[in-house]
PDB file of all heavy atoms in Angstrom:
ATOM      1  N   ILE A   1       7.111  48.224  20.571  1.00  0.00           N
ATOM      2  CA  ILE A   1       8.442  48.361  20.255  1.00  0.00           C
ATOM      3  C   ILE A   1       9.265  47.161  20.717  1.00  0.00           C
ATOM      4  O   ILE A   1       9.109  46.873  21.967  1.00  0.00           O
ATOM      5  CB  ILE A   1       9.120  49.688  20.585  1.00  0.00           C
ATOM      6  CG1 ILE A   1       8.276  50.868  20.162  1.00  0.00           C
ATOM      7  CG2 ILE A   1      10.551  49.872  20.214  1.00  0.00           C
ATOM      8  CD1 ILE A   1       8.624  52.286  20.823  1.00  0.00           C
ATOM      9  N   SER A   2      10.088  46.554  19.820  1.00  0.00           N
ATOM     10  CA  SER A   2      10.987  45.559  20.298  1.00  0.00           C
ATOM     11  C   SER A   2      12.421  45.732  19.794  1.00  0.00           C
ATOM     12  O   SER A   2      12.551  46.653  18.876  1.00  0.00           O
ATOM     13  CB  SER A   2      10.438  44.192  19.688  1.00  0.00           C
ATOM     14  OG  SER A   2       9.179  43.963  20.158  1.00  0.00           O
ATOM     15  N   ARG A   3      13.366  45.185  20.217  1.00  0.00           N
ATOM     16  CA  ARG A   3      14.768  45.219  19.624  1.00  0.00           C
ATOM     17  C   ARG A   3      15.465  43.902  19.759  1.00  0.00           C
ATOM     18  O   ARG A   3      15.066  43.056  20.539  1.00  0.00           O
ATOM     19  CB  ARG A   3      15.519  46.288  20.391  1.00  0.00           C
ATOM     20  CG  ARG A   3      15.909  45.971  21.860  1.00  0.00           C
ATOM     21  CD  ARG A   3      16.727  47.037  22.495  1.00  0.00           C
ATOM     22  NE  ARG A   3      17.334  46.602  23.803  1.00  0.00           N
ATOM     23  CZ  ARG A   3      17.897  47.325  24.640  1.00  0.00           C
ATOM     24  NH1 ARG A   3      18.036  48.681  24.423  1.00  0.00           N
ATOM     25  NH2 ARG A   3      18.450  46.858  25.804  1.00  0.00           N
ATOM     26  N   ARG A   4      16.512  43.783  19.037  1.00  0.00           N
ATOM     27  CA  ARG A   4      17.503  42.662  19.199  1.00  0.00           C
ATOM     28  C   ARG A   4      18.902  43.157  18.708  1.00  0.00           C
ATOM     29  O   ARG A   4      19.038  44.241  18.216  1.00  0.00           O
ATOM     30  CB  ARG A   4      17.152  41.542  18.212  1.00  0.00           C
ATOM     31  CG  ARG A   4      17.042  41.838  16.894  1.00  0.00           C
ATOM     32  CD  ARG A   4      16.570  40.674  15.986  1.00  0.00           C
ATOM     33  NE  ARG A   4      16.271  40.850  14.634  1.00  0.00           N
ATOM     34  CZ  ARG A   4      15.656  40.080  13.789  1.00  0.00           C
ATOM     35  NH1 ARG A   4      15.156  39.019  14.275  1.00  0.00           N
ATOM     36  NH2 ARG A   4      15.569  40.390  12.509  1.00  0.00           N
ATOM     37  N   ALA A   5      19.779  42.422  19.263  1.00  0.00           N
ATOM     38  CA  ALA A   5      21.155  42.895  19.053  1.00  0.00           C
ATOM     39  C   ALA A   5      21.667  43.013  17.677  1.00  0.00           C
ATOM     40  O   ALA A   5      21.188  42.160  16.816  1.00  0.00           O
ATOM     41  CB  ALA A   5      22.243  41.859  19.773  1.00  0.00           C
ATOM     42  N   GLY A   6      22.437  44.046  17.338  1.00  0.00           N
ATOM     43  CA  GLY A   6      22.870  44.234  15.907  1.00  0.00           C
ATOM     44  C   GLY A   6      24.093  43.482  15.618  1.00  0.00           C
ATOM     45  O   GLY A   6      24.641  42.711  16.471  1.00  0.00           O
ATOM     46  N   ARG A   7      24.562  43.777  14.488  1.00  0.00           N
ATOM     47  CA  ARG A   7      25.821  43.062  13.910  1.00  0.00           C
ATOM     48  C   ARG A   7      27.092  43.576  14.734  1.00  0.00           C
ATOM     49  O   ARG A   7      28.143  42.902  14.776  1.00  0.00           O
ATOM     50  CB  ARG A   7      25.972  43.275  12.537  1.00  0.00           C
ATOM     51  CG  ARG A   7      26.272  44.729  12.103  1.00  0.00           C
ATOM     52  CD  ARG A   7      26.877  44.868  10.681  1.00  0.00           C
ATOM     53  NE  ARG A   7      27.459  46.084  10.326  1.00  0.00           N
ATOM     54  CZ  ARG A   7      28.245  46.385   9.307  1.00  0.00           C
ATOM     55  NH1 ARG A   7      28.444  45.503   8.467  1.00  0.00           N
ATOM     56  NH2 ARG A   7      28.823  47.589   9.245  1.00  0.00           N
ATOM     57  N   THR A   8      26.991  44.809  15.323  1.00  0.00           N
ATOM     58  CA  THR A   8      28.099  45.396  16.131  1.00  0.00           C
ATOM     59  C   THR A   8      27.611  45.669  17.491  1.00  0.00           C
ATOM     60  O   THR A   8      26.509  46.137  17.752  1.00  0.00           O
ATOM     61  CB  THR A   8      28.541  46.789  15.396  1.00  0.00           C
ATOM     62  OG1 THR A   8      28.988  46.526  14.052  1.00  0.00           O
ATOM     63  CG2 THR A   8      29.585  47.381  16.148  1.00  0.00           C
ATOM     64  N   SER A   9      28.541  45.283  18.416  1.00  0.00           N
ATOM     65  CA  SER A   9      28.197  45.550  19.883  1.00  0.00           C
ATOM     66  C   SER A   9      27.727  46.853  20.160  1.00  0.00           C
ATOM     67  O   SER A   9      28.399  47.873  19.741  1.00  0.00           O
ATOM     68  CB  SER A   9      29.427  45.147  20.726  1.00  0.00           C
ATOM     69  OG  SER A   9      29.207  45.246  22.094  1.00  0.00           O
ATOM     70  N   GLY A  10      26.634  47.037  20.880  1.00  0.00           N
ATOM     71  CA  GLY A  10      26.099  48.360  21.247  1.00  0.00           C
ATOM     72  C   GLY A  10      25.049  48.837  20.472  1.00  0.00           C
ATOM     73  O   GLY A  10      24.348  49.789  20.916  1.00  0.00           O
ATOM     74  N   TYR A  11      24.885  48.324  19.263  1.00  0.00           N
ATOM     75  CA  TYR A  11      23.832  48.756  18.379  1.00  0.00           C
ATOM     76  C   TYR A  11      22.660  47.698  18.425  1.00  0.00           C
ATOM     77  O   TYR A  11      22.856  46.601  18.569  1.00  0.00           O
ATOM     78  CB  TYR A  11      24.404  48.909  16.887  1.00  0.00           C
ATOM     79  CG  TYR A  11      25.227  50.101  16.713  1.00  0.00           C
ATOM     80  CD1 TYR A  11      26.553  50.010  16.517  1.00  0.00           C
ATOM     81  CD2 TYR A  11      24.620  51.485  16.518  1.00  0.00           C
ATOM     82  CE1 TYR A  11      27.323  51.097  16.378  1.00  0.00           C
ATOM     83  CE2 TYR A  11      25.552  52.502  16.353  1.00  0.00           C
ATOM     84  CZ  TYR A  11      26.723  52.345  16.250  1.00  0.00           C
ATOM     85  OH  TYR A  11      27.618  53.543  16.006  1.00  0.00           O
ATOM     86  N   TYR A  12      21.450  48.261  18.104  1.00  0.00           N
ATOM     87  CA  TYR A  12      20.249  47.472  18.108  1.00  0.00           C
ATOM     88  C   TYR A  12      19.559  47.567  16.794  1.00  0.00           C
ATOM     89  O   TYR A  12      19.472  48.716  16.266  1.00  0.00           O
ATOM     90  CB  TYR A  12      19.425  47.670  19.361  1.00  0.00           C
ATOM     91  CG  TYR A  12      20.020  47.344  20.644  1.00  0.00           C
ATOM     92  CD1 TYR A  12      20.528  48.386  21.481  1.00  0.00           C
ATOM     93  CD2 TYR A  12      19.979  46.176  21.033  1.00  0.00           C
ATOM     94  CE1 TYR A  12      21.123  48.059  22.628  1.00  0.00           C
ATOM     95  CE2 TYR A  12      20.486  45.645  22.340  1.00  0.00           C
ATOM     96  CZ  TYR A  12      21.030  46.656  23.177  1.00  0.00           C
ATOM     97  OH  TYR A  12      21.638  46.313  24.294  1.00  0.00           O
ATOM     98  N   GLU A  13      18.827  46.349  16.361  1.00  0.00           N
ATOM     99  CA  GLU A  13      17.852  46.627  15.318  1.00  0.00           C
ATOM    100  C   GLU A  13      16.470  46.770  16.045  1.00  0.00           C
ATOM    101  O   GLU A  13      16.236  45.962  17.012  1.00  0.00           O
ATOM    102  CB  GLU A  13      17.869  45.252  14.480  1.00  0.00           C
ATOM    103  CG  GLU A  13      16.776  45.313  13.331  1.00  0.00           C
ATOM    104  CD  GLU A  13      16.955  43.981  12.564  1.00  0.00           C
ATOM    105  OE1 GLU A  13      17.641  43.044  13.055  1.00  0.00           O
ATOM    106  OE2 GLU A  13      16.266  43.893  11.539  1.00  0.00           O
ATOM    107  N   TYR A  14      15.687  47.581  15.574  1.00  0.00           N
ATOM    108  CA  TYR A  14      14.405  47.970  16.267  1.00  0.00           C
ATOM    109  C   TYR A  14      13.257  47.454  15.375  1.00  0.00           C
ATOM    110  O   TYR A  14      13.395  47.498  14.162  1.00  0.00           O
ATOM    111  CB  TYR A  14      14.300  49.415  16.507  1.00  0.00           C
ATOM    112  CG  TYR A  14      15.338  49.946  17.595  1.00  0.00           C
ATOM    113  CD1 TYR A  14      16.421  50.586  17.258  1.00  0.00           C
ATOM    114  CD2 TYR A  14      14.929  49.699  18.875  1.00  0.00           C
ATOM    115  CE1 TYR A  14      17.336  50.984  18.236  1.00  0.00           C
ATOM    116  CE2 TYR A  14      15.824  50.167  19.905  1.00  0.00           C
ATOM    117  CZ  TYR A  14      17.061  50.715  19.633  1.00  0.00           C
ATOM    118  OH  TYR A  14      17.828  51.206  20.574  1.00  0.00           O
ATOM    119  N   LYS A  15      12.200  47.179  15.947  1.00  0.00           N
ATOM    120  CA  LYS A  15      10.989  46.665  15.280  1.00  0.00           C
ATOM    121  C   LYS A  15       9.742  47.456  15.843  1.00  0.00           C
ATOM    122  O   LYS A  15       9.535  47.565  17.211  1.00  0.00           O
ATOM    123  CB  LYS A  15      10.652  45.234  15.436  1.00  0.00           C
ATOM    124  CG  LYS A  15       9.450  44.756  14.801  1.00  0.00           C
ATOM    125  CD  LYS A  15       9.234  43.204  14.649  1.00  0.00           C
ATOM    126  CE  LYS A  15       9.045  42.745  16.056  1.00  0.00           C
ATOM    127  NZ  LYS A  15       8.777  41.210  15.999  1.00  0.00           N
ATOM    128  N   PHE A  16       8.972  48.118  15.029  1.00  0.00           N
ATOM    129  CA  PHE A  16       7.847  48.864  15.395  1.00  0.00           C
ATOM    130  C   PHE A  16       6.603  48.196  14.870  1.00  0.00           C
ATOM    131  O   PHE A  16       6.581  47.905  13.541  1.00  0.00           O
ATOM    132  CB  PHE A  16       7.974  50.313  14.970  1.00  0.00           C
ATOM    133  CG  PHE A  16       9.217  50.969  15.448  1.00  0.00           C
ATOM    134  CD1 PHE A  16      10.337  50.834  14.629  1.00  0.00           C
ATOM    135  CD2 PHE A  16       9.162  51.678  16.600  1.00  0.00           C
ATOM    136  CE1 PHE A  16      11.539  51.565  15.193  1.00  0.00           C
ATOM    137  CE2 PHE A  16      10.336  52.197  17.040  1.00  0.00           C
ATOM    138  CZ  PHE A  16      11.512  52.185  16.329  1.00  0.00           C
ATOM    139  N   VAL A  17       5.510  47.944  15.588  1.00  0.00           N
ATOM    140  CA  VAL A  17       4.324  47.273  15.008  1.00  0.00           C
ATOM    141  C   VAL A  17       3.114  48.163  15.479  1.00  0.00           C
ATOM    142  O   VAL A  17       2.954  48.490  16.585  1.00  0.00           O
ATOM    143  CB  VAL A  17       4.162  45.817  15.529  1.00  0.00           C
ATOM    144  CG1 VAL A  17       2.868  45.285  15.037  1.00  0.00           C
ATOM    145  CG2 VAL A  17       5.423  45.018  15.171  1.00  0.00           C
ATOM    146  N   ALA A  18       2.200  48.439  14.575  1.00  0.00           N
ATOM    147  CA  ALA A  18       0.966  49.182  14.822  1.00  0.00           C
ATOM    148  C   ALA A  18      -0.029  48.829  13.897  1.00  0.00           C
ATOM    149  O   ALA A  18       0.155  48.320  12.789  1.00  0.00           O
ATOM    150  CB  ALA A  18       1.290  50.636  14.804  1.00  0.00           C
ATOM    151  N   GLU A  19      -1.289  49.330  14.208  1.00  0.00           N
ATOM    152  CA  GLU A  19      -2.495  49.239  13.282  1.00  0.00           C
ATOM    153  C   GLU A  19      -2.754  50.526  12.622  1.00  0.00           C
ATOM    154  O   GLU A  19      -2.470  51.603  13.317  1.00  0.00           O
ATOM    155  CB  GLU A  19      -3.663  48.826  14.105  1.00  0.00           C
ATOM    156  CG  GLU A  19      -3.626  47.362  14.754  1.00  0.00           C
ATOM    157  CD  GLU A  19      -3.806  46.280  13.707  1.00  0.00           C
ATOM    158  OE1 GLU A  19      -4.351  46.565  12.582  1.00  0.00           O
ATOM    159  OE2 GLU A  19      -3.449  45.174  14.011  1.00  0.00           O
ATOM    160  N   SER A  20      -3.128  50.543  11.419  1.00  0.00           N
ATOM    161  CA  SER A  20      -3.531  51.731  10.654  1.00  0.00           C
ATOM    162  C   SER A  20      -4.976  51.543  10.016  1.00  0.00           C
ATOM    163  O   SER A  20      -5.204  50.518   9.605  1.00  0.00           O
ATOM    164  CB  SER A  20      -2.553  51.997   9.411  1.00  0.00           C
ATOM    165  OG  SER A  20      -2.996  52.919   8.678  1.00  0.00           O
ATOM    166  N   PRO A  21      -5.688  52.527  10.068  1.00  0.00           N
ATOM    167  CA  PRO A  21      -7.061  52.388   9.477  1.00  0.00           C
ATOM    168  C   PRO A  21      -6.877  52.433   7.984  1.00  0.00           C
ATOM    169  O   PRO A  21      -8.005  52.235   7.257  1.00  0.00           O
ATOM    170  CB  PRO A  21      -7.848  53.639  10.064  1.00  0.00           C
ATOM    171  CG  PRO A  21      -6.594  54.635  10.306  1.00  0.00           C
ATOM    172  CD  PRO A  21      -5.579  53.716  10.774  1.00  0.00           C
ATOM    173  N   VAL A  22      -5.912  52.751   7.409  1.00  0.00           N
ATOM    174  CA  VAL A  22      -5.559  52.878   5.935  1.00  0.00           C
ATOM    175  C   VAL A  22      -5.380  51.303   5.331  1.00  0.00           C
ATOM    176  O   VAL A  22      -4.704  50.499   5.908  1.00  0.00           O
ATOM    177  CB  VAL A  22      -4.423  53.690   5.526  1.00  0.00           C
ATOM    178  CG1 VAL A  22      -4.236  53.898   4.091  1.00  0.00           C
ATOM    179  CG2 VAL A  22      -4.564  55.128   6.221  1.00  0.00           C
ATOM    180  N   GLY A  23      -6.119  51.141   4.318  1.00  0.00           N
ATOM    181  CA  GLY A  23      -5.973  49.852   3.745  1.00  0.00           C
ATOM    182  C   GLY A  23      -4.771  49.482   3.153  1.00  0.00           C
ATOM    183  O   GLY A  23      -3.961  50.391   2.763  1.00  0.00           O
ATOM    184  N   PRO A  24      -4.360  48.201   3.058  1.00  0.00           N
ATOM    185  CA  PRO A  24      -3.044  47.842   2.590  1.00  0.00           C
ATOM    186  C   PRO A  24      -2.636  48.295   1.199  1.00  0.00           C
ATOM    187  O   PRO A  24      -1.411  48.964   1.165  1.00  0.00           O
ATOM    188  CB  PRO A  24      -3.075  46.253   2.529  1.00  0.00           C
ATOM    189  CG  PRO A  24      -4.158  45.946   3.561  1.00  0.00           C
ATOM    190  CD  PRO A  24      -5.130  47.002   3.468  1.00  0.00           C
ATOM    191  N   GLU A  25      -3.521  48.309   0.229  1.00  0.00           N
ATOM    192  CA  GLU A  25      -3.182  48.897  -1.122  1.00  0.00           C
ATOM    193  C   GLU A  25      -2.948  50.349  -1.059  1.00  0.00           C
ATOM    194  O   GLU A  25      -1.777  50.888  -1.549  1.00  0.00           O
ATOM    195  CB  GLU A  25      -4.139  48.590  -2.086  1.00  0.00           C
ATOM    196  CG  GLU A  25      -3.824  49.023  -3.436  1.00  0.00           C
ATOM    197  CD  GLU A  25      -4.939  48.776  -4.460  1.00  0.00           C
ATOM    198  OE1 GLU A  25      -5.818  47.930  -4.171  1.00  0.00           O
ATOM    199  OE2 GLU A  25      -4.828  49.042  -5.668  1.00  0.00           O
ATOM    200  N   GLN A  26      -3.605  51.174  -0.349  1.00  0.00           N
ATOM    201  CA  GLN A  26      -3.455  52.600  -0.263  1.00  0.00           C
ATOM    202  C   GLN A  26      -2.191  52.989   0.630  1.00  0.00           C
ATOM    203  O   GLN A  26      -1.480  53.843   0.140  1.00  0.00           O
ATOM    204  CB  GLN A  26      -4.729  53.374   0.428  1.00  0.00           C
ATOM    205  CG  GLN A  26      -5.871  53.266  -0.393  1.00  0.00           C
ATOM    206  CD  GLN A  26      -7.079  53.775   0.388  1.00  0.00           C
ATOM    207  OE1 GLN A  26      -7.441  53.288   1.368  1.00  0.00           O
ATOM    208  NE2 GLN A  26      -7.787  54.805  -0.242  1.00  0.00           N
ATOM    209  N   LEU A  27      -1.913  52.238   1.619  1.00  0.00           N
ATOM    210  CA  LEU A  27      -0.782  52.463   2.470  1.00  0.00           C
ATOM    211  C   LEU A  27       0.537  52.141   1.638  1.00  0.00           C
ATOM    212  O   LEU A  27       1.429  52.853   1.722  1.00  0.00           O
ATOM    213  CB  LEU A  27      -0.929  51.731   3.729  1.00  0.00           C
ATOM    214  CG  LEU A  27       0.198  51.939   4.852  1.00  0.00           C
ATOM    215  CD1 LEU A  27       0.183  53.447   5.179  1.00  0.00           C
ATOM    216  CD2 LEU A  27      -0.134  51.070   6.094  1.00  0.00           C
ATOM    217  N   GLU A  28       0.359  51.018   0.868  1.00  0.00           N
ATOM    218  CA  GLU A  28       1.556  50.497   0.061  1.00  0.00           C
ATOM    219  C   GLU A  28       1.980  51.690  -0.920  1.00  0.00           C
ATOM    220  O   GLU A  28       3.186  52.070  -1.044  1.00  0.00           O
ATOM    221  CB  GLU A  28       1.242  49.221  -0.652  1.00  0.00           C
ATOM    222  CG  GLU A  28       2.305  48.899  -1.643  1.00  0.00           C
ATOM    223  CD  GLU A  28       1.891  47.910  -2.603  1.00  0.00           C
ATOM    224  OE1 GLU A  28       0.547  47.531  -2.710  1.00  0.00           O
ATOM    225  OE2 GLU A  28       2.651  47.476  -3.431  1.00  0.00           O
ATOM    226  N   GLN A  29       1.003  52.320  -1.510  1.00  0.00           N
ATOM    227  CA  GLN A  29       1.270  53.334  -2.515  1.00  0.00           C
ATOM    228  C   GLN A  29       1.746  54.530  -1.892  1.00  0.00           C
ATOM    229  O   GLN A  29       2.648  55.200  -2.340  1.00  0.00           O
ATOM    230  CB  GLN A  29      -0.075  53.630  -3.268  1.00  0.00           C
ATOM    231  CG  GLN A  29      -0.526  52.549  -4.218  1.00  0.00           C
ATOM    232  CD  GLN A  29       0.505  52.050  -5.234  1.00  0.00           C
ATOM    233  OE1 GLN A  29       1.284  52.906  -5.703  1.00  0.00           O
ATOM    234  NE2 GLN A  29       0.415  50.703  -5.584  1.00  0.00           N
ATOM    235  N   PHE A  30       1.262  54.830  -0.726  1.00  0.00           N
ATOM    236  CA  PHE A  30       1.730  56.062  -0.090  1.00  0.00           C
ATOM    237  C   PHE A  30       3.183  55.900   0.416  1.00  0.00           C
ATOM    238  O   PHE A  30       4.074  56.745   0.204  1.00  0.00           O
ATOM    239  CB  PHE A  30       0.895  56.352   1.234  1.00  0.00           C
ATOM    240  CG  PHE A  30       1.347  57.487   2.111  1.00  0.00           C
ATOM    241  CD1 PHE A  30       0.947  58.807   1.666  1.00  0.00           C
ATOM    242  CD2 PHE A  30       2.208  57.340   3.088  1.00  0.00           C
ATOM    243  CE1 PHE A  30       1.386  59.885   2.444  1.00  0.00           C
ATOM    244  CE2 PHE A  30       2.626  58.416   3.891  1.00  0.00           C
ATOM    245  CZ  PHE A  30       2.174  59.648   3.551  1.00  0.00           C
ATOM    246  N   VAL A  31       3.503  54.790   1.074  1.00  0.00           N
ATOM    247  CA  VAL A  31       4.932  54.591   1.627  1.00  0.00           C
ATOM    248  C   VAL A  31       5.802  54.399   0.243  1.00  0.00           C
ATOM    249  O   VAL A  31       6.972  55.181   0.377  1.00  0.00           O
ATOM    250  CB  VAL A  31       5.102  53.319   2.464  1.00  0.00           C
ATOM    251  CG1 VAL A  31       6.411  52.988   2.691  1.00  0.00           C
ATOM    252  CG2 VAL A  31       4.180  53.433   3.676  1.00  0.00           C
ATOM    253  N   TRP A  32       5.548  53.774  -0.773  1.00  0.00           N
ATOM    254  CA  TRP A  32       6.328  53.679  -1.945  1.00  0.00           C
ATOM    255  C   TRP A  32       6.591  54.927  -2.541  1.00  0.00           C
ATOM    256  O   TRP A  32       7.834  55.350  -2.980  1.00  0.00           O
ATOM    257  CB  TRP A  32       5.835  52.619  -2.946  1.00  0.00           C
ATOM    258  CG  TRP A  32       6.744  52.447  -4.114  1.00  0.00           C
ATOM    259  CD1 TRP A  32       6.523  52.874  -5.313  1.00  0.00           C
ATOM    260  CD2 TRP A  32       7.838  51.604  -4.200  1.00  0.00           C
ATOM    261  NE1 TRP A  32       7.520  52.417  -6.137  1.00  0.00           N
ATOM    262  CE2 TRP A  32       8.386  51.731  -5.404  1.00  0.00           C
ATOM    263  CE3 TRP A  32       8.600  50.972  -3.234  1.00  0.00           C
ATOM    264  CZ2 TRP A  32       9.488  51.081  -5.844  1.00  0.00           C
ATOM    265  CZ3 TRP A  32       9.772  50.323  -3.550  1.00  0.00           C
ATOM    266  CH2 TRP A  32      10.286  50.373  -4.877  1.00  0.00           C
ATOM    267  N   SER A  33       5.700  55.832  -2.657  1.00  0.00           N
ATOM    268  CA  SER A  33       5.861  57.096  -3.325  1.00  0.00           C
ATOM    269  C   SER A  33       6.643  57.982  -2.539  1.00  0.00           C
ATOM    270  O   SER A  33       7.386  59.004  -3.017  1.00  0.00           O
ATOM    271  CB  SER A  33       4.432  57.833  -3.655  1.00  0.00           C
ATOM    272  OG  SER A  33       3.771  57.982  -2.355  1.00  0.00           O
ATOM    273  N   SER A  34       6.682  57.791  -1.293  1.00  0.00           N
ATOM    274  CA  SER A  34       7.560  58.768  -0.315  1.00  0.00           C
ATOM    275  C   SER A  34       8.945  58.546  -0.648  1.00  0.00           C
ATOM    276  O   SER A  34       9.818  59.457  -0.368  1.00  0.00           O
ATOM    277  CB  SER A  34       7.283  58.364   1.071  1.00  0.00           C
ATOM    278  OG  SER A  34       7.802  57.119   1.479  1.00  0.00           O
ATOM    279  N   PHE A  35       9.441  57.461  -1.209  1.00  0.00           N
ATOM    280  CA  PHE A  35      10.935  57.220  -1.490  1.00  0.00           C
ATOM    281  C   PHE A  35      11.412  58.187  -2.652  1.00  0.00           C
ATOM    282  O   PHE A  35      12.448  58.282  -2.904  1.00  0.00           O
ATOM    283  CB  PHE A  35      11.082  55.818  -1.886  1.00  0.00           C
ATOM    284  CG  PHE A  35      10.757  54.922  -0.674  1.00  0.00           C
ATOM    285  CD1 PHE A  35      10.114  53.501  -0.889  1.00  0.00           C
ATOM    286  CD2 PHE A  35      11.014  55.139   0.634  1.00  0.00           C
ATOM    287  CE1 PHE A  35       9.800  52.759  -0.027  1.00  0.00           C
ATOM    288  CE2 PHE A  35      10.802  54.189   1.682  1.00  0.00           C
ATOM    289  CZ  PHE A  35      10.174  53.053   1.337  1.00  0.00           C
ATOM    290  N   GLN A  36      10.415  58.687  -3.416  1.00  0.00           N
ATOM    291  CA  GLN A  36      10.705  59.568  -4.450  1.00  0.00           C
ATOM    292  C   GLN A  36      11.118  61.016  -3.961  1.00  0.00           C
ATOM    293  O   GLN A  36      11.700  61.846  -4.798  1.00  0.00           O
ATOM    294  CB  GLN A  36       9.526  59.809  -5.450  1.00  0.00           C
ATOM    295  CG  GLN A  36       9.088  58.471  -6.090  1.00  0.00           C
ATOM    296  CD  GLN A  36      10.184  57.982  -7.050  1.00  0.00           C
ATOM    297  OE1 GLN A  36      10.797  58.617  -7.758  1.00  0.00           O
ATOM    298  NE2 GLN A  36      10.346  56.523  -7.171  1.00  0.00           N
ATOM    299  N   THR A  37      10.991  61.325  -2.751  1.00  0.00           N
ATOM    300  CA  THR A  37      11.047  62.635  -2.218  1.00  0.00           C
ATOM    301  C   THR A  37      12.184  62.563  -1.124  1.00  0.00           C
ATOM    302  O   THR A  37      12.245  61.863  -0.278  1.00  0.00           O
ATOM    303  CB  THR A  37       9.822  63.257  -1.626  1.00  0.00           C
ATOM    304  OG1 THR A  37       8.736  63.170  -2.537  1.00  0.00           O
ATOM    305  CG2 THR A  37      10.043  64.609  -1.013  1.00  0.00           C
ATOM    306  N   ALA A  38      13.136  63.561  -1.294  1.00  0.00           N
ATOM    307  CA  ALA A  38      14.241  63.740  -0.440  1.00  0.00           C
ATOM    308  C   ALA A  38      14.032  64.880   0.572  1.00  0.00           C
ATOM    309  O   ALA A  38      13.516  65.985   0.104  1.00  0.00           O
ATOM    310  CB  ALA A  38      15.600  63.983  -1.265  1.00  0.00           C
ATOM    311  N   GLU A  39      14.249  64.728   1.775  1.00  0.00           N
ATOM    312  CA  GLU A  39      14.015  65.753   2.707  1.00  0.00           C
ATOM    313  C   GLU A  39      15.399  66.258   3.354  1.00  0.00           C
ATOM    314  O   GLU A  39      16.370  65.453   3.321  1.00  0.00           O
ATOM    315  CB  GLU A  39      13.147  65.194   3.885  1.00  0.00           C
ATOM    316  CG  GLU A  39      11.729  64.694   3.436  1.00  0.00           C
ATOM    317  CD  GLU A  39      10.868  64.363   4.591  1.00  0.00           C
ATOM    318  OE1 GLU A  39      11.320  64.383   5.746  1.00  0.00           O
ATOM    319  OE2 GLU A  39       9.844  63.825   4.296  1.00  0.00           O
ATOM    320  N   LYS A  40      15.513  67.302   4.010  1.00  0.00           N
ATOM    321  CA  LYS A  40      16.556  67.948   4.539  1.00  0.00           C
ATOM    322  C   LYS A  40      16.906  66.961   5.671  1.00  0.00           C
ATOM    323  O   LYS A  40      16.036  66.272   6.328  1.00  0.00           O
ATOM    324  CB  LYS A  40      16.267  69.272   5.188  1.00  0.00           C
ATOM    325  CG  LYS A  40      16.123  70.322   4.014  1.00  0.00           C
ATOM    326  CD  LYS A  40      15.915  71.723   4.733  1.00  0.00           C
ATOM    327  CE  LYS A  40      15.609  72.768   3.682  1.00  0.00           C
ATOM    328  NZ  LYS A  40      15.479  74.112   4.321  1.00  0.00           N
ATOM    329  N   PRO A  41      18.121  66.696   5.928  1.00  0.00           N
ATOM    330  CA  PRO A  41      19.400  67.495   5.314  1.00  0.00           C
ATOM    331  C   PRO A  41      19.980  66.868   4.070  1.00  0.00           C
ATOM    332  O   PRO A  41      21.118  67.033   3.742  1.00  0.00           O
ATOM    333  CB  PRO A  41      20.278  67.301   6.408  1.00  0.00           C
ATOM    334  CG  PRO A  41      20.127  65.820   7.122  1.00  0.00           C
ATOM    335  CD  PRO A  41      18.691  65.704   7.022  1.00  0.00           C
ATOM    336  N   VAL A  42      19.140  66.083   3.246  1.00  0.00           N
ATOM    337  CA  VAL A  42      19.685  65.548   2.001  1.00  0.00           C
ATOM    338  C   VAL A  42      19.912  66.730   1.061  1.00  0.00           C
ATOM    339  O   VAL A  42      19.060  67.565   0.768  1.00  0.00           O
ATOM    340  CB  VAL A  42      18.623  64.618   1.348  1.00  0.00           C
ATOM    341  CG1 VAL A  42      19.239  64.231  -0.072  1.00  0.00           C
ATOM    342  CG2 VAL A  42      18.487  63.470   2.217  1.00  0.00           C
ATOM    343  N   LYS A  43      21.168  66.981   0.583  1.00  0.00           N
ATOM    344  CA  LYS A  43      21.550  68.068  -0.182  1.00  0.00           C
ATOM    345  C   LYS A  43      21.209  67.680  -1.681  1.00  0.00           C
ATOM    346  O   LYS A  43      20.878  68.582  -2.540  1.00  0.00           O
ATOM    347  CB  LYS A  43      23.128  68.383   0.083  1.00  0.00           C
ATOM    348  CG  LYS A  43      23.617  69.515  -0.740  1.00  0.00           C
ATOM    349  CD  LYS A  43      25.040  69.656  -0.478  1.00  0.00           C
ATOM    350  CE  LYS A  43      25.611  70.886  -1.216  1.00  0.00           C
ATOM    351  NZ  LYS A  43      27.087  71.087  -0.797  1.00  0.00           N
ATOM    352  N   LYS A  44      21.437  66.434  -2.051  1.00  0.00           N
ATOM    353  CA  LYS A  44      21.355  66.026  -3.415  1.00  0.00           C
ATOM    354  C   LYS A  44      20.973  64.615  -3.463  1.00  0.00           C
ATOM    355  O   LYS A  44      21.557  63.760  -2.841  1.00  0.00           O
ATOM    356  CB  LYS A  44      22.614  66.244  -4.206  1.00  0.00           C
ATOM    357  CG  LYS A  44      22.523  65.889  -5.718  1.00  0.00           C
ATOM    358  CD  LYS A  44      23.838  66.263  -6.385  1.00  0.00           C
ATOM    359  CE  LYS A  44      23.777  65.752  -7.868  1.00  0.00           C
ATOM    360  NZ  LYS A  44      25.019  65.896  -8.612  1.00  0.00           N
TER     361      LYS A  44
END
């Protein structure tokens, strides 16, 4: 985990880096498909 100053004082942009055993193509499809689903507390 790393961070750097954001556009507004007091806020930070964060970066997370990790290894996954899932191949790039499969992981790409999984993450992209997740954007189709809304989770609580999304009402609409």
